[in-house]
PDB file of N, CA and C in Angstrom:
ATOM      1  N   MET A   1      64.500-107.068 -14.344  1.00  0.00           N
ATOM      2  CA  MET A   1      65.220-106.590 -15.478  1.00  0.00           C
ATOM      3  C   MET A   1      66.651-106.165 -15.050  1.00  0.00           C
ATOM      4  N   HIS A   2      67.611-106.513 -15.886  1.00  0.00           N
ATOM      5  CA  HIS A   2      68.929-106.140 -15.670  1.00  0.00           C
ATOM      6  C   HIS A   2      69.435-105.376 -16.930  1.00  0.00           C
ATOM      7  N   ILE A   3      70.259-104.483 -16.707  1.00  0.00           N
ATOM      8  CA  ILE A   3      70.900-103.728 -17.784  1.00  0.00           C
ATOM      9  C   ILE A   3      72.385-103.783 -17.658  1.00  0.00           C
ATOM     10  N   ARG A   4      73.056-103.691 -18.830  1.00  0.00           N
ATOM     11  CA  ARG A   4      74.487-103.610 -18.799  1.00  0.00           C
ATOM     12  C   ARG A   4      74.964-102.732 -19.949  1.00  0.00           C
ATOM     13  N   ILE A   5      76.227-102.331 -19.906  1.00  0.00           N
ATOM     14  CA  ILE A   5      76.817-101.431 -20.890  1.00  0.00           C
ATOM     15  C   ILE A   5      77.852-102.259 -21.692  1.00  0.00           C
ATOM     16  N   ASP A   6      77.800-102.256 -23.064  1.00  0.00           N
ATOM     17  CA  ASP A   6      78.901-102.792 -23.846  1.00  0.00           C
ATOM     18  C   ASP A   6      79.927-101.627 -23.905  1.00  0.00           C
ATOM     19  N   GLU A   7      81.009-101.740 -23.067  1.00  0.00           N
ATOM     20  CA  GLU A   7      82.009-100.695 -23.013  1.00  0.00           C
ATOM     21  C   GLU A   7      82.681-100.463 -24.299  1.00  0.00           C
ATOM     22  N   GLU A   8      82.756-101.413 -25.212  1.00  0.00           N
ATOM     23  CA  GLU A   8      83.453-101.177 -26.461  1.00  0.00           C
ATOM     24  C   GLU A   8      82.579-100.342 -27.445  1.00  0.00           C
ATOM     25  N   LEU A   9      81.279-100.303 -27.195  1.00  0.00           N
ATOM     26  CA  LEU A   9      80.373 -99.533 -28.009  1.00  0.00           C
ATOM     27  C   LEU A   9      80.135 -98.151 -27.420  1.00  0.00           C
ATOM     28  N   CYS A  10      80.251 -98.082 -26.109  1.00  0.00           N
ATOM     29  CA  CYS A  10      79.880 -96.785 -25.438  1.00  0.00           C
ATOM     30  C   CYS A  10      80.745 -95.627 -25.936  1.00  0.00           C
ATOM     31  N   ALA A  11      80.080 -94.561 -26.281  1.00  0.00           N
ATOM     32  CA  ALA A  11      80.775 -93.411 -26.737  1.00  0.00           C
ATOM     33  C   ALA A  11      80.887 -92.273 -25.672  1.00  0.00           C
ATOM     34  N   GLY A  12      80.269 -92.599 -24.516  1.00  0.00           N
ATOM     35  CA  GLY A  12      80.379 -91.602 -23.388  1.00  0.00           C
ATOM     36  C   GLY A  12      79.597 -90.289 -23.619  1.00  0.00           C
ATOM     37  N   CYS A  13      78.521 -90.432 -24.350  1.00  0.00           N
ATOM     38  CA  CYS A  13      77.755 -89.209 -24.720  1.00  0.00           C
ATOM     39  C   CYS A  13      76.860 -88.705 -23.550  1.00  0.00           C
ATOM     40  N   GLU A  14      76.714 -89.501 -22.537  1.00  0.00           N
ATOM     41  CA  GLU A  14      75.975 -89.212 -21.336  1.00  0.00           C
ATOM     42  C   GLU A  14      74.455 -89.204 -21.437  1.00  0.00           C
ATOM     43  N   VAL A  15      73.949 -89.585 -22.647  1.00  0.00           N
ATOM     44  CA  VAL A  15      72.499 -89.606 -22.759  1.00  0.00           C
ATOM     45  C   VAL A  15      71.791 -90.539 -21.683  1.00  0.00           C
ATOM     46  N   CYS A  16      72.398 -91.688 -21.430  1.00  0.00           N
ATOM     47  CA  CYS A  16      71.875 -92.565 -20.427  1.00  0.00           C
ATOM     48  C   CYS A  16      71.816 -91.948 -19.028  1.00  0.00           C
ATOM     49  N   ALA A  17      72.954 -91.346 -18.676  1.00  0.00           N
ATOM     50  CA  ALA A  17      73.031 -90.709 -17.326  1.00  0.00           C
ATOM     51  C   ALA A  17      72.117 -89.450 -17.214  1.00  0.00           C
ATOM     52  N   ASP A  18      71.948 -88.806 -18.270  1.00  0.00           N
ATOM     53  CA  ASP A  18      70.989 -87.679 -18.357  1.00  0.00           C
ATOM     54  C   ASP A  18      69.543 -88.122 -18.275  1.00  0.00           C
ATOM     55  N   THR A  19      69.279 -89.291 -18.901  1.00  0.00           N
ATOM     56  CA  THR A  19      67.904 -89.781 -18.944  1.00  0.00           C
ATOM     57  C   THR A  19      67.542 -90.448 -17.637  1.00  0.00           C
ATOM     58  N   CYS A  20      68.422 -91.292 -17.066  1.00  0.00           N
ATOM     59  CA  CYS A  20      68.149 -92.086 -15.892  1.00  0.00           C
ATOM     60  C   CYS A  20      69.381 -91.975 -14.908  1.00  0.00           C
ATOM     61  N   PRO A  21      69.529 -90.864 -14.243  1.00  0.00           N
ATOM     62  CA  PRO A  21      70.642 -90.723 -13.332  1.00  0.00           C
ATOM     63  C   PRO A  21      70.660 -91.638 -12.160  1.00  0.00           C
ATOM     64  N   THR A  22      69.477 -92.313 -11.881  1.00  0.00           N
ATOM     65  CA  THR A  22      69.482 -93.314 -10.770  1.00  0.00           C
ATOM     66  C   THR A  22      69.950 -94.690 -11.220  1.00  0.00           C
ATOM     67  N   LEU A  23      70.155 -94.834 -12.573  1.00  0.00           N
ATOM     68  CA  LEU A  23      70.604 -96.126 -13.087  1.00  0.00           C
ATOM     69  C   LEU A  23      71.994 -96.068 -13.691  1.00  0.00           C
ATOM     70  N   PHE A  24      72.434 -94.953 -14.244  1.00  0.00           N
ATOM     71  CA  PHE A  24      73.743 -94.813 -14.946  1.00  0.00           C
ATOM     72  C   PHE A  24      74.524 -93.638 -14.414  1.00  0.00           C
ATOM     73  N   GLU A  25      75.878 -93.844 -14.559  1.00  0.00           N
ATOM     74  CA  GLU A  25      76.832 -92.777 -14.283  1.00  0.00           C
ATOM     75  C   GLU A  25      77.859 -92.909 -15.373  1.00  0.00           C
ATOM     76  N   ILE A  26      78.654 -91.842 -15.505  1.00  0.00           N
ATOM     77  CA  ILE A  26      79.817 -91.826 -16.409  1.00  0.00           C
ATOM     78  C   ILE A  26      81.011 -91.884 -15.494  1.00  0.00           C
ATOM     79  N   ASN A  27      81.861 -92.937 -15.799  1.00  0.00           N
ATOM     80  CA  ASN A  27      83.045 -93.061 -14.968  1.00  0.00           C
ATOM     81  C   ASN A  27      84.158 -92.137 -15.343  1.00  0.00           C
ATOM     82  N   GLU A  28      85.292 -92.222 -14.651  1.00  0.00           N
ATOM     83  CA  GLU A  28      86.427 -91.302 -14.933  1.00  0.00           C
ATOM     84  C   GLU A  28      87.077 -91.465 -16.291  1.00  0.00           C
ATOM     85  N   ASP A  29      86.800 -92.656 -16.941  1.00  0.00           N
ATOM     86  CA  ASP A  29      87.271 -92.900 -18.312  1.00  0.00           C
ATOM     87  C   ASP A  29      86.331 -92.366 -19.353  1.00  0.00           C
ATOM     88  N   GLY A  30      85.174 -91.807 -18.922  1.00  0.00           N
ATOM     89  CA  GLY A  30      84.175 -91.315 -19.873  1.00  0.00           C
ATOM     90  C   GLY A  30      83.273 -92.361 -20.413  1.00  0.00           C
ATOM     91  N   ILE A  31      83.211 -93.550 -19.772  1.00  0.00           N
ATOM     92  CA  ILE A  31      82.359 -94.601 -20.197  1.00  0.00           C
ATOM     93  C   ILE A  31      81.167 -94.729 -19.177  1.00  0.00           C
ATOM     94  N   ALA A  32      80.064 -95.039 -19.705  1.00  0.00           N
ATOM     95  CA  ALA A  32      78.826 -95.297 -18.842  1.00  0.00           C
ATOM     96  C   ALA A  32      78.993 -96.539 -18.049  1.00  0.00           C
ATOM     97  N   ILE A  33      78.445 -96.420 -16.827  1.00  0.00           N
ATOM     98  CA  ILE A  33      78.430 -97.657 -16.021  1.00  0.00           C
ATOM     99  C   ILE A  33      76.985 -97.759 -15.375  1.00  0.00           C
ATOM    100  N   VAL A  34      76.577 -98.916 -15.110  1.00  0.00           N
ATOM    101  CA  VAL A  34      75.315 -99.233 -14.450  1.00  0.00           C
ATOM    102  C   VAL A  34      75.586 -99.155 -12.952  1.00  0.00           C
ATOM    103  N   ILE A  35      74.730 -98.469 -12.210  1.00  0.00           N
ATOM    104  CA  ILE A  35      74.940 -98.333 -10.791  1.00  0.00           C
ATOM    105  C   ILE A  35      73.962 -99.106  -9.897  1.00  0.00           C
ATOM    106  N   VAL A  36      73.155 -99.966 -10.494  1.00  0.00           N
ATOM    107  CA  VAL A  36      72.241-100.794  -9.788  1.00  0.00           C
ATOM    108  C   VAL A  36      72.406-102.257 -10.205  1.00  0.00           C
ATOM    109  N   GLU A  37      72.147-103.194  -9.265  1.00  0.00           N
ATOM    110  CA  GLU A  37      72.230-104.598  -9.555  1.00  0.00           C
ATOM    111  C   GLU A  37      71.011-104.981 -10.432  1.00  0.00           C
ATOM    112  N   GLU A  38      69.876-104.570 -10.029  1.00  0.00           N
ATOM    113  CA  GLU A  38      68.584-104.845 -10.793  1.00  0.00           C
ATOM    114  C   GLU A  38      67.799-103.565 -10.888  1.00  0.00           C
ATOM    115  N   VAL A  39      67.203-103.373 -12.028  1.00  0.00           N
ATOM    116  CA  VAL A  39      66.408-102.173 -12.256  1.00  0.00           C
ATOM    117  C   VAL A  39      65.116-102.301 -11.453  1.00  0.00           C
ATOM    118  N   PRO A  40      64.825-101.358 -10.641  1.00  0.00           N
ATOM    119  CA  PRO A  40      63.501-101.322  -9.918  1.00  0.00           C
ATOM    120  C   PRO A  40      62.367-101.256 -10.976  1.00  0.00           C
ATOM    121  N   LYS A  41      61.258-101.879 -10.592  1.00  0.00           N
ATOM    122  CA  LYS A  41      60.057-101.891 -11.548  1.00  0.00           C
ATOM    123  C   LYS A  41      59.757-100.493 -11.988  1.00  0.00           C
ATOM    124  N   ASN A  42      59.795 -99.517 -11.058  1.00  0.00           N
ATOM    125  CA  ASN A  42      59.334 -98.137 -11.409  1.00  0.00           C
ATOM    126  C   ASN A  42      60.373 -97.443 -12.307  1.00  0.00           C
ATOM    127  N   GLU A  43      61.582 -98.051 -12.547  1.00  0.00           N
ATOM    128  CA  GLU A  43      62.559 -97.398 -13.403  1.00  0.00           C
ATOM    129  C   GLU A  43      62.725 -98.177 -14.705  1.00  0.00           C
ATOM    130  N   GLU A  44      61.963 -99.209 -14.969  1.00  0.00           N
ATOM    131  CA  GLU A  44      62.137-100.039 -16.217  1.00  0.00           C
ATOM    132  C   GLU A  44      61.819 -99.228 -17.462  1.00  0.00           C
ATOM    133  N   GLU A  45      60.854 -98.379 -17.435  1.00  0.00           N
ATOM    134  CA  GLU A  45      60.528 -97.573 -18.614  1.00  0.00           C
ATOM    135  C   GLU A  45      61.638 -96.575 -18.889  1.00  0.00           C
ATOM    136  N   CYS A  46      62.210 -96.007 -17.853  1.00  0.00           N
ATOM    137  CA  CYS A  46      63.347 -95.107 -18.009  1.00  0.00           C
ATOM    138  C   CYS A  46      64.557 -95.876 -18.618  1.00  0.00           C
ATOM    139  N   ALA A  47      64.780 -97.085 -18.168  1.00  0.00           N
ATOM    140  CA  ALA A  47      65.891 -97.867 -18.684  1.00  0.00           C
ATOM    141  C   ALA A  47      65.679 -98.152 -20.243  1.00  0.00           C
ATOM    142  N   ARG A  48      64.482 -98.422 -20.550  1.00  0.00           N
ATOM    143  CA  ARG A  48      64.147 -98.655 -21.953  1.00  0.00           C
ATOM    144  C   ARG A  48      64.343 -97.410 -22.810  1.00  0.00           C
ATOM    145  N   GLU A  49      63.889 -96.245 -22.223  1.00  0.00           N
ATOM    146  CA  GLU A  49      64.093 -95.048 -22.921  1.00  0.00           C
ATOM    147  C   GLU A  49      65.578 -94.711 -23.211  1.00  0.00           C
ATOM    148  N   ALA A  50      66.360 -94.978 -22.157  1.00  0.00           N
ATOM    149  CA  ALA A  50      67.800 -94.775 -22.277  1.00  0.00           C
ATOM    150  C   ALA A  50      68.436 -95.634 -23.356  1.00  0.00           C
ATOM    151  N   ALA A  51      68.017 -96.923 -23.420  1.00  0.00           N
ATOM    152  CA  ALA A  51      68.542 -97.816 -24.349  1.00  0.00           C
ATOM    153  C   ALA A  51      68.062 -97.377 -25.786  1.00  0.00           C
ATOM    154  N   ASP A  52      66.796 -97.008 -25.935  1.00  0.00           N
ATOM    155  CA  ASP A  52      66.319 -96.545 -27.206  1.00  0.00           C
ATOM    156  C   ASP A  52      67.052 -95.284 -27.761  1.00  0.00           C
ATOM    157  N   ASN A  53      67.466 -94.429 -26.795  1.00  0.00           N
ATOM    158  CA  ASN A  53      68.077 -93.170 -27.199  1.00  0.00           C
ATOM    159  C   ASN A  53      69.592 -93.207 -27.258  1.00  0.00           C
ATOM    160  N   CYS A  54      70.191 -94.329 -26.847  1.00  0.00           N
ATOM    161  CA  CYS A  54      71.665 -94.427 -26.892  1.00  0.00           C
ATOM    162  C   CYS A  54      72.113 -94.455 -28.347  1.00  0.00           C
ATOM    163  N   PRO A  55      72.803 -93.492 -28.792  1.00  0.00           N
ATOM    164  CA  PRO A  55      73.275 -93.417 -30.195  1.00  0.00           C
ATOM    165  C   PRO A  55      74.267 -94.530 -30.597  1.00  0.00           C
ATOM    166  N   SER A  56      74.947 -95.173 -29.691  1.00  0.00           N
ATOM    167  CA  SER A  56      75.870 -96.158 -29.973  1.00  0.00           C
ATOM    168  C   SER A  56      75.289 -97.598 -29.728  1.00  0.00           C
ATOM    169  N   GLU A  57      74.069 -97.581 -29.217  1.00  0.00           N
ATOM    170  CA  GLU A  57      73.383 -98.846 -28.895  1.00  0.00           C
ATOM    171  C   GLU A  57      74.225 -99.737 -27.919  1.00  0.00           C
ATOM    172  N   ALA A  58      74.802 -99.097 -26.991  1.00  0.00           N
ATOM    173  CA  ALA A  58      75.700 -99.763 -25.976  1.00  0.00           C
ATOM    174  C   ALA A  58      74.907-100.351 -24.755  1.00  0.00           C
ATOM    175  N   ILE A  59      73.629 -99.989 -24.593  1.00  0.00           N
ATOM    176  CA  ILE A  59      72.860-100.430 -23.480  1.00  0.00           C
ATOM    177  C   ILE A  59      72.164-101.734 -23.855  1.00  0.00           C
ATOM    178  N   ILE A  60      72.380-102.791 -23.094  1.00  0.00           N
ATOM    179  CA  ILE A  60      71.834-104.068 -23.218  1.00  0.00           C
ATOM    180  C   ILE A  60      70.804-104.326 -22.122  1.00  0.00           C
ATOM    181  N   ILE A  61      69.575-104.625 -22.475  1.00  0.00           N
ATOM    182  CA  ILE A  61      68.527-104.977 -21.553  1.00  0.00           C
ATOM    183  C   ILE A  61      68.386-106.467 -21.474  1.00  0.00           C
ATOM    184  N   GLU A  62      68.367-107.038 -20.287  1.00  0.00           N
ATOM    185  CA  GLU A  62      68.060-108.461 -20.152  1.00  0.00           C
ATOM    186  C   GLU A  62      66.862-108.650 -19.272  1.00  0.00           C
ATOM    187  N   GLU A  63      65.795-109.155 -19.803  1.00  0.00           N
ATOM    188  CA  GLU A  63      64.547-109.286 -19.073  1.00  0.00           C
ATOM    189  C   GLU A  63      64.607-110.438 -18.170  1.00  0.00           C
TER     190      GLU A  63
END
Protein backbone atom coordinates (compact mmCIF):
# COMPACT_ATOMS: atom_id res chain seq x y z
CA MET A 1 0.00 0.00 0.00
CA HIS A 2 1.15 3.50 -0.85
CA ILE A 3 -0.34 6.75 0.38
CA ARG A 4 0.04 10.27 -0.85
CA ILE A 5 -1.31 13.71 -0.04
CA ASP A 6 -3.06 15.98 -2.51
CA GLU A 7 -1.36 19.19 -1.40
CA GLU A 8 -4.01 21.36 -3.06
CA LEU A 9 -6.71 19.76 -0.90
CA CYS A 10 -4.76 19.52 2.36
CA ALA A 11 -6.01 21.97 4.98
CA GLY A 12 -3.21 21.20 7.46
CA CYS A 13 -5.64 20.20 10.19
CA GLU A 14 -3.15 17.59 11.50
CA VAL A 15 -5.73 14.80 11.84
CA CYS A 16 -3.49 12.45 9.84
CA ALA A 17 -0.37 13.23 11.87
CA ASP A 18 -2.30 12.84 15.12
CA THR A 19 -3.83 9.55 13.95
CA CYS A 20 -0.67 8.03 12.40
CA PRO A 21 2.47 9.90 13.47
CA THR A 22 4.63 7.12 11.99
CA LEU A 23 3.19 7.81 8.52
CA PHE A 24 2.48 11.56 8.38
CA GLU A 25 4.03 14.85 9.45
CA ILE A 26 3.06 18.47 8.96
CA ASN A 27 5.75 20.43 7.11
CA GLU A 28 6.84 24.02 7.73
CA ASP A 29 4.19 25.23 5.26
CA GLY A 30 1.42 23.60 7.32
CA ILE A 31 0.80 20.85 4.75
CA ALA A 32 0.78 17.14 5.54
CA ILE A 33 3.51 14.99 4.08
CA VAL A 34 3.94 11.23 3.95
CA ILE A 35 7.14 10.10 5.67
CA VAL A 36 7.27 6.48 4.42
CA GLU A 37 7.86 5.02 0.97
CA GLU A 38 5.45 2.14 1.52
CA VAL A 39 2.98 1.64 4.36
CA PRO A 40 4.00 -1.30 6.56
CA LYS A 41 1.34 -4.02 6.79
CA ASN A 42 0.81 -3.33 10.50
CA GLU A 43 0.09 0.38 9.73
CA GLU A 44 -2.41 -0.12 6.88
CA GLU A 45 -5.47 0.11 9.13
CA CYS A 46 -4.12 3.32 10.64
CA ALA A 47 -3.57 4.79 7.15
CA ARG A 48 -7.17 3.95 6.21
CA GLU A 49 -8.43 5.54 9.42
CA ALA A 50 -6.47 8.72 8.69
CA ALA A 51 -7.87 8.82 5.14
CA ASP A 52 -11.42 8.26 6.39
CA ASN A 53 -11.07 11.03 8.98
CA CYS A 54 -9.37 13.60 6.74
CA PRO A 55 -11.91 16.45 6.49
CA SER A 56 -10.53 17.66 3.16
CA GLU A 57 -10.19 14.14 1.67
CA ALA A 58 -6.56 14.89 0.79
CA ILE A 59 -5.17 11.41 1.57
CA ILE A 60 -5.03 9.11 -1.42
CA ILE A 61 -4.53 5.37 -0.86
CA GLU A 62 -3.05 3.27 -3.65
CA GLU A 63 -3.33 -0.46 -3.09
